[in-house]
Amino acid sequence: MPELRRSARVAAKPASESSEPPQKKAKPAPKKEQKPKTKEIEEGDPIPDITLLDEEENEVSLPEAAKKTKFLVIFAYPKASTPGCTRQVCGFQANYEFLKNSNTTVFGLSADQPKSQKNFVTKQKLEYPLLSDPSRKLIGALGAKKSPTGIKRSHWIFVDGVLKVKKIQISPEVSVNSAKADIEEFIKNES
């Protein structure tokens, strides 16, 4: 019977070593970076000092925007050009004339890039800007960040730069209708 050929490396090992399976070195578990958790703002807190890009890639400072108007409405939607999000942005567009005449600035907000926001604005003929928050910094601060990713459909109303209304995880129609009703109530109470 012919003898089996062995590689020089295997033949050079003593018999006791080659009978045991090779030991793998255990890799240390990767360290998870602990990102500092953004403090979620509550009613009565000032608008966060955050600057984001709009659909035209212009920088929008939230505190500066809040100084220019009595009411500031920010509404969040999960993804541009999807059915529920389209209903929400179109609902705010349908009420835009009333909001603008009521000294209200409106911003849509999602994690979409400015280019996607621009396409959404153009397709839906929106008259108000859409903010891009891909890092979800503002979305997290407002309490609309889903874990691990995603956005809860929501809206917030700031009066003189202070959060007065916070509605998280609501339908597109409720977002639009309740935001309008809240602005009407604020105006009525000022009279």
N, C-alpha and C. Protein backbone atom coordinates (compact mmCIF):
# COMPACT_ATOMS: atom_id res chain seq x y z
N MET A 1 0.84 -1.17 0.00
CA MET A 1 0.00 0.00 0.00
C MET A 1 0.88 1.24 0.00
N PRO A 2 0.59 2.20 -0.88
CA PRO A 2 1.46 3.38 -0.93
C PRO A 2 1.28 4.23 0.32
N GLU A 3 2.33 4.87 0.72
CA GLU A 3 2.31 5.74 1.90
C GLU A 3 1.73 7.10 1.52
N LEU A 4 0.85 7.67 2.39
CA LEU A 4 0.25 8.98 2.13
C LEU A 4 1.30 10.07 2.29
N ARG A 5 1.25 11.02 1.43
CA ARG A 5 2.19 12.13 1.51
C ARG A 5 1.64 13.17 2.47
N ARG A 6 2.52 13.74 3.24
CA ARG A 6 2.14 14.78 4.20
C ARG A 6 2.92 16.04 3.89
N SER A 7 2.33 17.17 4.17
CA SER A 7 3.06 18.41 3.92
C SER A 7 4.21 18.51 4.90
N ALA A 8 5.19 19.26 4.54
CA ALA A 8 6.37 19.39 5.38
C ALA A 8 6.01 20.00 6.73
N ARG A 9 5.07 20.89 6.75
CA ARG A 9 4.67 21.54 8.00
C ARG A 9 4.03 20.53 8.94
N VAL A 10 3.07 19.74 8.44
CA VAL A 10 2.39 18.75 9.26
C VAL A 10 3.37 17.68 9.71
N ALA A 11 4.28 17.26 8.82
CA ALA A 11 5.24 16.21 9.16
C ALA A 11 6.22 16.68 10.22
N ALA A 12 6.50 17.98 10.28
CA ALA A 12 7.47 18.51 11.24
C ALA A 12 6.90 18.59 12.65
N LYS A 13 5.56 18.59 12.80
CA LYS A 13 4.95 18.69 14.13
C LYS A 13 5.04 17.35 14.84
N PRO A 14 5.28 17.38 16.15
CA PRO A 14 5.23 16.13 16.90
C PRO A 14 3.79 15.60 16.92
N ALA A 15 3.62 14.32 17.04
CA ALA A 15 2.32 13.67 16.99
C ALA A 15 1.36 14.22 18.03
N SER A 16 1.85 14.57 19.23
CA SER A 16 0.95 15.07 20.29
C SER A 16 0.31 16.40 19.91
N GLU A 17 1.05 17.26 19.18
CA GLU A 17 0.49 18.56 18.78
C GLU A 17 -0.54 18.43 17.68
N SER A 18 -0.28 17.57 16.72
CA SER A 18 -1.17 17.51 15.56
C SER A 18 -2.50 16.83 15.86
N SER A 19 -2.62 16.08 16.94
CA SER A 19 -3.88 15.40 17.24
C SER A 19 -4.90 16.32 17.90
N GLU A 20 -4.45 17.43 18.48
CA GLU A 20 -5.38 18.37 19.10
C GLU A 20 -5.79 19.43 18.09
N PRO A 21 -7.06 19.85 18.15
CA PRO A 21 -7.45 20.92 17.23
C PRO A 21 -6.73 22.21 17.60
N PRO A 22 -6.42 23.03 16.59
CA PRO A 22 -5.74 24.30 16.90
C PRO A 22 -6.63 25.19 17.76
N GLN A 23 -6.03 25.90 18.68
CA GLN A 23 -6.76 26.80 19.57
C GLN A 23 -6.84 28.18 18.92
N LYS A 24 -8.05 28.74 18.87
CA LYS A 24 -8.22 30.10 18.36
C LYS A 24 -8.12 31.06 19.52
N LYS A 25 -7.48 32.16 19.27
CA LYS A 25 -7.40 33.20 20.31
C LYS A 25 -8.74 33.91 20.36
N ALA A 26 -9.25 34.07 21.57
CA ALA A 26 -10.52 34.78 21.74
C ALA A 26 -10.32 36.26 21.46
N LYS A 27 -11.18 36.79 20.61
CA LYS A 27 -11.10 38.22 20.32
C LYS A 27 -11.84 38.97 21.42
N PRO A 28 -11.28 40.07 21.86
CA PRO A 28 -12.01 40.84 22.88
C PRO A 28 -13.30 41.38 22.27
N ALA A 29 -14.34 41.43 23.07
CA ALA A 29 -15.63 41.95 22.60
C ALA A 29 -15.47 43.41 22.22
N PRO A 30 -16.04 43.80 21.07
CA PRO A 30 -15.90 45.21 20.69
C PRO A 30 -16.60 46.11 21.70
N LYS A 31 -15.95 47.21 21.99
CA LYS A 31 -16.53 48.16 22.94
C LYS A 31 -17.57 48.99 22.23
N LYS A 32 -18.75 49.06 22.80
CA LYS A 32 -19.79 49.90 22.23
C LYS A 32 -19.57 51.32 22.71
N GLU A 33 -19.57 52.21 21.73
CA GLU A 33 -19.42 53.62 22.10
C GLU A 33 -20.71 54.09 22.76
N GLN A 34 -20.59 54.67 23.89
CA GLN A 34 -21.75 55.23 24.57
C GLN A 34 -21.91 56.67 24.12
N LYS A 35 -22.93 56.89 23.30
CA LYS A 35 -23.20 58.26 22.88
C LYS A 35 -23.93 58.95 24.01
N PRO A 36 -23.57 60.19 24.27
CA PRO A 36 -24.30 60.89 25.32
C PRO A 36 -25.76 61.02 24.89
N LYS A 37 -26.66 60.62 25.77
CA LYS A 37 -28.08 60.67 25.46
C LYS A 37 -28.55 62.12 25.46
N THR A 38 -29.21 62.47 24.37
CA THR A 38 -29.74 63.82 24.26
C THR A 38 -30.90 63.97 25.23
N LYS A 39 -30.88 65.07 25.98
CA LYS A 39 -31.98 65.33 26.92
C LYS A 39 -33.21 65.69 26.12
N GLU A 40 -34.28 64.98 26.39
CA GLU A 40 -35.54 65.24 25.71
C GLU A 40 -36.19 66.48 26.32
N ILE A 41 -36.59 67.41 25.46
CA ILE A 41 -37.21 68.62 25.98
C ILE A 41 -38.68 68.37 26.30
N GLU A 42 -39.17 69.11 27.25
CA GLU A 42 -40.56 68.99 27.70
C GLU A 42 -41.24 70.34 27.58
N GLU A 43 -42.56 70.34 27.72
CA GLU A 43 -43.30 71.60 27.68
C GLU A 43 -42.74 72.55 28.73
N GLY A 44 -42.53 73.80 28.32
CA GLY A 44 -41.94 74.80 29.20
C GLY A 44 -40.46 75.02 28.94
N ASP A 45 -39.83 74.11 28.18
CA ASP A 45 -38.40 74.25 27.84
C ASP A 45 -38.24 75.14 26.62
N PRO A 46 -37.09 75.85 26.54
CA PRO A 46 -36.85 76.66 25.34
C PRO A 46 -36.52 75.78 24.13
N ILE A 47 -36.69 76.35 22.96
CA ILE A 47 -36.37 75.62 21.73
C ILE A 47 -34.88 75.24 21.75
N PRO A 48 -34.53 74.03 21.31
CA PRO A 48 -33.12 73.62 21.35
C PRO A 48 -32.25 74.49 20.44
N ASP A 49 -31.03 74.71 20.86
CA ASP A 49 -30.08 75.49 20.07
C ASP A 49 -29.43 74.56 19.06
N ILE A 50 -30.16 74.28 18.00
CA ILE A 50 -29.72 73.36 16.95
C ILE A 50 -29.89 74.06 15.61
N THR A 51 -28.94 73.84 14.73
CA THR A 51 -29.01 74.36 13.37
C THR A 51 -29.03 73.17 12.41
N LEU A 52 -29.99 73.18 11.49
CA LEU A 52 -30.13 72.11 10.49
C LEU A 52 -30.17 72.70 9.10
N LEU A 53 -30.02 71.84 8.10
CA LEU A 53 -30.14 72.28 6.71
C LEU A 53 -31.58 72.09 6.24
N ASP A 54 -32.04 73.05 5.43
CA ASP A 54 -33.35 72.87 4.80
C ASP A 54 -33.15 72.19 3.44
N GLU A 55 -34.22 72.11 2.66
CA GLU A 55 -34.15 71.40 1.38
C GLU A 55 -33.24 72.09 0.37
N GLU A 56 -32.94 73.36 0.58
CA GLU A 56 -32.03 74.11 -0.30
C GLU A 56 -30.60 74.11 0.24
N GLU A 57 -30.38 73.37 1.33
CA GLU A 57 -29.10 73.29 2.03
C GLU A 57 -28.71 74.61 2.70
N ASN A 58 -29.72 75.43 3.02
CA ASN A 58 -29.51 76.64 3.82
C ASN A 58 -29.50 76.23 5.28
N GLU A 59 -28.64 76.85 6.08
CA GLU A 59 -28.63 76.57 7.51
C GLU A 59 -29.81 77.29 8.17
N VAL A 60 -30.52 76.55 9.02
CA VAL A 60 -31.66 77.11 9.75
C VAL A 60 -31.39 76.94 11.24
N SER A 61 -31.20 78.07 11.91
CA SER A 61 -31.01 78.07 13.36
C SER A 61 -32.39 78.14 14.00
N LEU A 62 -32.72 77.13 14.81
CA LEU A 62 -34.06 77.12 15.42
C LEU A 62 -34.29 78.32 16.34
N PRO A 63 -33.33 78.69 17.23
CA PRO A 63 -33.59 79.87 18.07
C PRO A 63 -33.80 81.15 17.25
N GLU A 64 -33.04 81.29 16.15
CA GLU A 64 -33.21 82.48 15.29
C GLU A 64 -34.58 82.46 14.62
N ALA A 65 -35.01 81.29 14.15
CA ALA A 65 -36.32 81.17 13.51
C ALA A 65 -37.43 81.49 14.51
N ALA A 66 -37.27 81.04 15.75
CA ALA A 66 -38.29 81.27 16.79
C ALA A 66 -38.42 82.75 17.14
N LYS A 67 -37.32 83.51 17.02
CA LYS A 67 -37.36 84.94 17.33
C LYS A 67 -38.16 85.74 16.30
N LYS A 68 -38.28 85.20 15.10
CA LYS A 68 -38.92 85.93 14.01
C LYS A 68 -40.43 85.77 13.94
N THR A 69 -41.00 84.97 14.83
CA THR A 69 -42.42 84.65 14.73
C THR A 69 -42.99 84.39 16.12
N LYS A 70 -44.27 84.55 16.27
CA LYS A 70 -44.92 84.27 17.56
C LYS A 70 -45.00 82.76 17.81
N PHE A 71 -45.44 82.02 16.77
CA PHE A 71 -45.62 80.58 16.89
C PHE A 71 -44.69 79.87 15.90
N LEU A 72 -44.14 78.77 16.34
CA LEU A 72 -43.30 77.95 15.46
C LEU A 72 -43.79 76.52 15.59
N VAL A 73 -44.22 75.95 14.46
CA VAL A 73 -44.69 74.56 14.43
C VAL A 73 -43.64 73.73 13.72
N ILE A 74 -43.21 72.67 14.38
CA ILE A 74 -42.32 71.68 13.76
C ILE A 74 -43.08 70.36 13.77
N PHE A 75 -43.20 69.75 12.62
CA PHE A 75 -43.82 68.42 12.59
C PHE A 75 -42.83 67.43 11.99
N ALA A 76 -42.81 66.24 12.57
CA ALA A 76 -41.88 65.19 12.12
C ALA A 76 -42.65 64.10 11.40
N TYR A 77 -42.03 63.59 10.37
CA TYR A 77 -42.60 62.49 9.59
C TYR A 77 -41.49 61.48 9.30
N PRO A 78 -41.83 60.20 9.18
CA PRO A 78 -40.81 59.16 9.03
C PRO A 78 -39.98 59.24 7.74
N LYS A 79 -40.60 59.42 6.59
CA LYS A 79 -39.83 59.39 5.34
C LYS A 79 -40.54 60.17 4.24
N ALA A 80 -39.77 61.01 3.56
CA ALA A 80 -40.31 61.82 2.47
C ALA A 80 -40.92 60.95 1.38
N SER A 81 -42.01 61.45 0.82
CA SER A 81 -42.69 60.84 -0.34
C SER A 81 -43.31 59.47 -0.06
N THR A 82 -43.64 59.19 1.20
CA THR A 82 -44.40 57.98 1.51
C THR A 82 -45.84 58.40 1.78
N PRO A 83 -46.81 57.49 1.72
CA PRO A 83 -48.22 57.88 1.77
C PRO A 83 -48.64 58.70 3.00
N GLY A 84 -48.37 58.23 4.21
CA GLY A 84 -48.78 58.97 5.40
C GLY A 84 -48.07 60.31 5.51
N CYS A 85 -46.80 60.31 5.14
CA CYS A 85 -46.02 61.55 5.22
C CYS A 85 -46.53 62.57 4.20
N THR A 86 -46.93 62.08 3.04
CA THR A 86 -47.49 62.97 2.02
C THR A 86 -48.79 63.59 2.53
N ARG A 87 -49.64 62.79 3.17
CA ARG A 87 -50.89 63.34 3.73
C ARG A 87 -50.59 64.42 4.76
N GLN A 88 -49.56 64.18 5.59
CA GLN A 88 -49.23 65.14 6.64
C GLN A 88 -48.70 66.45 6.04
N VAL A 89 -47.73 66.37 5.13
CA VAL A 89 -47.19 67.62 4.56
C VAL A 89 -48.24 68.36 3.74
N CYS A 90 -49.10 67.62 3.04
CA CYS A 90 -50.16 68.27 2.26
C CYS A 90 -51.21 68.89 3.17
N GLY A 91 -51.47 68.27 4.31
CA GLY A 91 -52.39 68.85 5.29
C GLY A 91 -51.88 70.18 5.82
N PHE A 92 -50.57 70.23 6.14
CA PHE A 92 -50.00 71.50 6.60
C PHE A 92 -49.99 72.52 5.46
N GLN A 93 -49.78 72.06 4.22
CA GLN A 93 -49.83 72.97 3.08
C GLN A 93 -51.24 73.54 2.90
N ALA A 94 -52.26 72.71 3.07
CA ALA A 94 -53.66 73.16 2.93
C ALA A 94 -54.00 74.23 3.97
N ASN A 95 -53.33 74.18 5.12
CA ASN A 95 -53.58 75.15 6.20
C ASN A 95 -52.49 76.23 6.27
N TYR A 96 -51.60 76.22 5.29
CA TYR A 96 -50.44 77.12 5.36
C TYR A 96 -50.84 78.60 5.36
N GLU A 97 -51.81 78.97 4.55
CA GLU A 97 -52.22 80.38 4.48
C GLU A 97 -52.72 80.85 5.85
N PHE A 98 -53.56 80.05 6.49
CA PHE A 98 -54.04 80.39 7.83
C PHE A 98 -52.86 80.51 8.81
N LEU A 99 -51.95 79.53 8.79
CA LEU A 99 -50.81 79.54 9.72
C LEU A 99 -49.93 80.77 9.49
N LYS A 100 -49.62 81.04 8.22
CA LYS A 100 -48.78 82.20 7.89
C LYS A 100 -49.44 83.49 8.36
N ASN A 101 -50.74 83.63 8.15
CA ASN A 101 -51.47 84.83 8.57
C ASN A 101 -51.63 84.91 10.08
N SER A 102 -51.35 83.81 10.77
CA SER A 102 -51.44 83.77 12.24
C SER A 102 -50.07 83.92 12.90
N ASN A 103 -49.09 84.49 12.15
CA ASN A 103 -47.75 84.71 12.68
C ASN A 103 -47.09 83.38 13.10
N THR A 104 -47.28 82.34 12.25
CA THR A 104 -46.75 81.01 12.53
C THR A 104 -45.78 80.59 11.44
N THR A 105 -44.61 80.12 11.86
CA THR A 105 -43.65 79.51 10.95
C THR A 105 -43.81 78.01 11.05
N VAL A 106 -43.75 77.34 9.91
CA VAL A 106 -43.92 75.88 9.86
C VAL A 106 -42.66 75.25 9.29
N PHE A 107 -42.20 74.18 9.94
CA PHE A 107 -41.09 73.37 9.43
C PHE A 107 -41.50 71.91 9.46
N GLY A 108 -41.32 71.20 8.34
CA GLY A 108 -41.40 69.75 8.35
C GLY A 108 -40.02 69.23 8.72
N LEU A 109 -39.95 68.04 9.30
CA LEU A 109 -38.68 67.50 9.79
C LEU A 109 -38.61 65.99 9.59
N SER A 110 -37.52 65.53 8.99
CA SER A 110 -37.28 64.09 8.90
C SER A 110 -35.77 63.86 8.81
N ALA A 111 -35.38 62.59 8.77
CA ALA A 111 -33.96 62.24 8.67
C ALA A 111 -33.50 62.18 7.22
N ASP A 112 -34.38 62.51 6.29
CA ASP A 112 -34.01 62.50 4.88
C ASP A 112 -32.96 63.55 4.57
N GLN A 113 -32.15 63.27 3.56
CA GLN A 113 -31.14 64.22 3.10
C GLN A 113 -31.83 65.40 2.40
N PRO A 114 -31.16 66.57 2.32
CA PRO A 114 -31.77 67.73 1.67
C PRO A 114 -32.27 67.45 0.25
N LYS A 115 -31.57 66.62 -0.50
CA LYS A 115 -32.00 66.32 -1.88
C LYS A 115 -33.38 65.65 -1.88
N SER A 116 -33.60 64.69 -0.98
CA SER A 116 -34.92 64.03 -0.89
C SER A 116 -35.98 65.03 -0.45
N GLN A 117 -35.60 65.92 0.49
CA GLN A 117 -36.55 66.94 0.95
C GLN A 117 -36.91 67.89 -0.21
N LYS A 118 -35.92 68.24 -1.01
CA LYS A 118 -36.15 69.14 -2.15
C LYS A 118 -37.14 68.50 -3.13
N ASN A 119 -36.94 67.21 -3.42
CA ASN A 119 -37.86 66.50 -4.32
C ASN A 119 -39.27 66.50 -3.76
N PHE A 120 -39.39 66.31 -2.44
CA PHE A 120 -40.69 66.28 -1.77
C PHE A 120 -41.37 67.64 -1.85
N VAL A 121 -40.61 68.71 -1.58
CA VAL A 121 -41.14 70.08 -1.66
C VAL A 121 -41.64 70.37 -3.07
N THR A 122 -40.84 70.01 -4.06
CA THR A 122 -41.19 70.27 -5.46
C THR A 122 -42.43 69.49 -5.87
N LYS A 123 -42.43 68.19 -5.57
CA LYS A 123 -43.53 67.31 -5.98
C LYS A 123 -44.86 67.73 -5.34
N GLN A 124 -44.83 68.15 -4.08
CA GLN A 124 -46.06 68.51 -3.36
C GLN A 124 -46.34 70.01 -3.38
N LYS A 125 -45.47 70.79 -4.04
CA LYS A 125 -45.64 72.24 -4.15
C LYS A 125 -45.78 72.91 -2.79
N LEU A 126 -44.87 72.56 -1.87
CA LEU A 126 -44.92 73.09 -0.51
C LEU A 126 -44.39 74.51 -0.46
N GLU A 127 -45.00 75.34 0.38
CA GLU A 127 -44.58 76.74 0.54
C GLU A 127 -43.77 76.94 1.81
N TYR A 128 -43.50 75.90 2.55
CA TYR A 128 -42.72 75.99 3.78
C TYR A 128 -41.54 75.02 3.68
N PRO A 129 -40.47 75.26 4.45
CA PRO A 129 -39.27 74.44 4.34
C PRO A 129 -39.38 73.10 5.07
N LEU A 130 -38.59 72.14 4.58
CA LEU A 130 -38.44 70.84 5.23
C LEU A 130 -37.00 70.74 5.72
N LEU A 131 -36.85 70.43 6.99
CA LEU A 131 -35.52 70.33 7.60
C LEU A 131 -34.99 68.91 7.53
N SER A 132 -33.69 68.81 7.35
CA SER A 132 -33.01 67.52 7.24
C SER A 132 -32.23 67.26 8.53
N ASP A 133 -32.51 66.13 9.17
CA ASP A 133 -31.85 65.77 10.44
C ASP A 133 -31.37 64.31 10.39
N PRO A 134 -30.40 64.00 9.49
CA PRO A 134 -29.96 62.61 9.34
C PRO A 134 -29.33 62.02 10.61
N SER A 135 -28.76 62.84 11.46
CA SER A 135 -28.18 62.34 12.71
C SER A 135 -29.24 62.20 13.81
N ARG A 136 -30.45 62.66 13.53
CA ARG A 136 -31.59 62.62 14.46
C ARG A 136 -31.33 63.38 15.77
N LYS A 137 -30.52 64.41 15.67
CA LYS A 137 -30.20 65.22 16.86
C LYS A 137 -31.43 65.95 17.38
N LEU A 138 -32.11 66.68 16.49
CA LEU A 138 -33.32 67.39 16.90
C LEU A 138 -34.46 66.40 17.15
N ILE A 139 -34.57 65.41 16.27
CA ILE A 139 -35.63 64.40 16.42
C ILE A 139 -35.53 63.74 17.79
N GLY A 140 -34.31 63.42 18.22
CA GLY A 140 -34.10 62.83 19.55
C GLY A 140 -34.44 63.80 20.67
N ALA A 141 -34.00 65.04 20.52
CA ALA A 141 -34.26 66.05 21.55
C ALA A 141 -35.76 66.31 21.71
N LEU A 142 -36.50 66.17 20.63
CA LEU A 142 -37.94 66.41 20.67
C LEU A 142 -38.71 65.17 21.14
N GLY A 143 -38.03 64.03 21.24
CA GLY A 143 -38.68 62.80 21.75
C GLY A 143 -39.34 61.97 20.68
N ALA A 144 -38.96 62.15 19.41
CA ALA A 144 -39.61 61.42 18.33
C ALA A 144 -38.72 60.35 17.70
N LYS A 145 -37.60 60.05 18.33
CA LYS A 145 -36.67 59.07 17.77
C LYS A 145 -37.10 57.66 18.19
N LYS A 146 -37.25 56.78 17.19
CA LYS A 146 -37.54 55.38 17.46
C LYS A 146 -36.22 54.64 17.56
N SER A 147 -36.17 53.61 18.39
CA SER A 147 -34.93 52.85 18.55
C SER A 147 -35.02 51.59 17.70
N PRO A 148 -34.02 51.19 16.96
CA PRO A 148 -32.72 51.82 16.77
C PRO A 148 -32.75 52.94 15.74
N THR A 149 -33.68 52.86 14.79
CA THR A 149 -33.81 53.95 13.81
C THR A 149 -35.29 54.23 13.64
N GLY A 150 -35.56 55.27 12.92
CA GLY A 150 -36.96 55.60 12.66
C GLY A 150 -37.41 56.84 13.41
N ILE A 151 -38.57 57.31 13.02
CA ILE A 151 -39.12 58.55 13.56
C ILE A 151 -40.60 58.35 13.87
N LYS A 152 -41.02 58.83 15.02
CA LYS A 152 -42.43 58.81 15.39
C LYS A 152 -43.09 60.06 14.82
N ARG A 153 -44.17 59.88 14.09
CA ARG A 153 -44.88 61.03 13.52
C ARG A 153 -45.38 61.88 14.68
N SER A 154 -45.04 63.16 14.67
CA SER A 154 -45.31 64.02 15.82
C SER A 154 -45.37 65.48 15.38
N HIS A 155 -45.75 66.34 16.31
CA HIS A 155 -45.58 67.78 16.08
C HIS A 155 -45.42 68.51 17.42
N TRP A 156 -44.82 69.69 17.33
CA TRP A 156 -44.55 70.52 18.51
C TRP A 156 -44.89 71.96 18.13
N ILE A 157 -45.38 72.69 19.13
CA ILE A 157 -45.64 74.12 18.92
C ILE A 157 -44.87 74.90 19.97
N PHE A 158 -44.07 75.82 19.48
CA PHE A 158 -43.31 76.73 20.35
C PHE A 158 -43.98 78.09 20.28
N VAL A 159 -44.19 78.70 21.44
CA VAL A 159 -44.76 80.04 21.53
C VAL A 159 -43.68 80.93 22.14
N ASP A 160 -43.29 81.96 21.38
CA ASP A 160 -42.19 82.84 21.80
C ASP A 160 -40.95 82.03 22.18
N GLY A 161 -40.67 80.97 21.42
CA GLY A 161 -39.46 80.17 21.63
C GLY A 161 -39.53 79.14 22.74
N VAL A 162 -40.71 78.96 23.35
CA VAL A 162 -40.88 78.01 24.45
C VAL A 162 -41.87 76.93 24.03
N LEU A 163 -41.52 75.67 24.30
CA LEU A 163 -42.39 74.56 23.92
C LEU A 163 -43.69 74.59 24.73
N LYS A 164 -44.81 74.65 24.02
CA LYS A 164 -46.12 74.67 24.66
C LYS A 164 -46.96 73.43 24.34
N VAL A 165 -46.72 72.82 23.18
CA VAL A 165 -47.48 71.63 22.76
C VAL A 165 -46.50 70.59 22.26
N LYS A 166 -46.69 69.35 22.75
CA LYS A 166 -45.83 68.23 22.33
C LYS A 166 -46.74 67.03 22.11
N LYS A 167 -46.91 66.62 20.85
CA LYS A 167 -47.77 65.48 20.52
C LYS A 167 -46.94 64.47 19.74
N ILE A 168 -46.71 63.31 20.38
CA ILE A 168 -45.84 62.27 19.82
C ILE A 168 -46.69 61.09 19.36
N GLN A 169 -46.28 60.49 18.26
CA GLN A 169 -46.88 59.27 17.71
C GLN A 169 -48.38 59.47 17.45
N ILE A 170 -48.66 60.30 16.46
CA ILE A 170 -50.05 60.59 16.10
C ILE A 170 -50.24 60.38 14.60
N SER A 171 -51.48 60.34 14.16
CA SER A 171 -51.77 60.14 12.74
C SER A 171 -51.51 61.44 11.97
N PRO A 172 -51.32 61.35 10.65
CA PRO A 172 -51.09 62.57 9.86
C PRO A 172 -52.23 63.58 10.02
N GLU A 173 -53.46 63.10 9.98
CA GLU A 173 -54.61 64.02 10.06
C GLU A 173 -54.73 64.66 11.44
N VAL A 174 -54.50 63.88 12.48
CA VAL A 174 -54.55 64.43 13.84
C VAL A 174 -53.45 65.47 14.01
N SER A 175 -52.27 65.21 13.46
CA SER A 175 -51.17 66.17 13.56
C SER A 175 -51.58 67.52 12.97
N VAL A 176 -52.11 67.51 11.77
CA VAL A 176 -52.50 68.74 11.09
C VAL A 176 -53.64 69.44 11.82
N ASN A 177 -54.72 68.70 12.07
CA ASN A 177 -55.92 69.30 12.67
C ASN A 177 -55.68 69.81 14.08
N SER A 178 -54.95 69.06 14.89
CA SER A 178 -54.74 69.52 16.27
C SER A 178 -53.76 70.68 16.32
N ALA A 179 -52.77 70.71 15.43
CA ALA A 179 -51.86 71.86 15.40
C ALA A 179 -52.62 73.13 15.06
N LYS A 180 -53.49 73.04 14.06
CA LYS A 180 -54.29 74.21 13.67
C LYS A 180 -55.20 74.64 14.83
N ALA A 181 -55.87 73.66 15.47
CA ALA A 181 -56.77 73.98 16.58
C ALA A 181 -56.01 74.60 17.75
N ASP A 182 -54.80 74.10 18.02
CA ASP A 182 -54.00 74.67 19.12
C ASP A 182 -53.60 76.12 18.81
N ILE A 183 -53.20 76.40 17.58
CA ILE A 183 -52.85 77.78 17.21
C ILE A 183 -54.08 78.68 17.35
N GLU A 184 -55.23 78.21 16.89
CA GLU A 184 -56.47 78.99 17.03
C GLU A 184 -56.76 79.28 18.50
N GLU A 185 -56.55 78.29 19.36
CA GLU A 185 -56.79 78.46 20.80
C GLU A 185 -55.81 79.48 21.41
N PHE A 186 -54.53 79.40 21.02
CA PHE A 186 -53.55 80.37 21.53
C PHE A 186 -53.94 81.79 21.12
N ILE A 187 -54.37 81.95 19.88
CA ILE A 187 -54.76 83.28 19.40
C ILE A 187 -55.99 83.78 20.16
N LYS A 188 -56.96 82.92 20.35
CA LYS A 188 -58.19 83.28 21.08
C LYS A 188 -57.86 83.73 22.50
N ASN A 189 -56.94 83.00 23.16
CA ASN A 189 -56.59 83.32 24.54
C ASN A 189 -55.77 84.60 24.67
N GLU A 190 -55.13 85.04 23.59
CA GLU A 190 -54.37 86.29 23.60
C GLU A 190 -55.30 87.50 23.53
N SER A 191 -56.47 87.31 22.95
CA SER A 191 -57.40 88.44 22.73
C SER A 191 -57.98 88.93 24.01
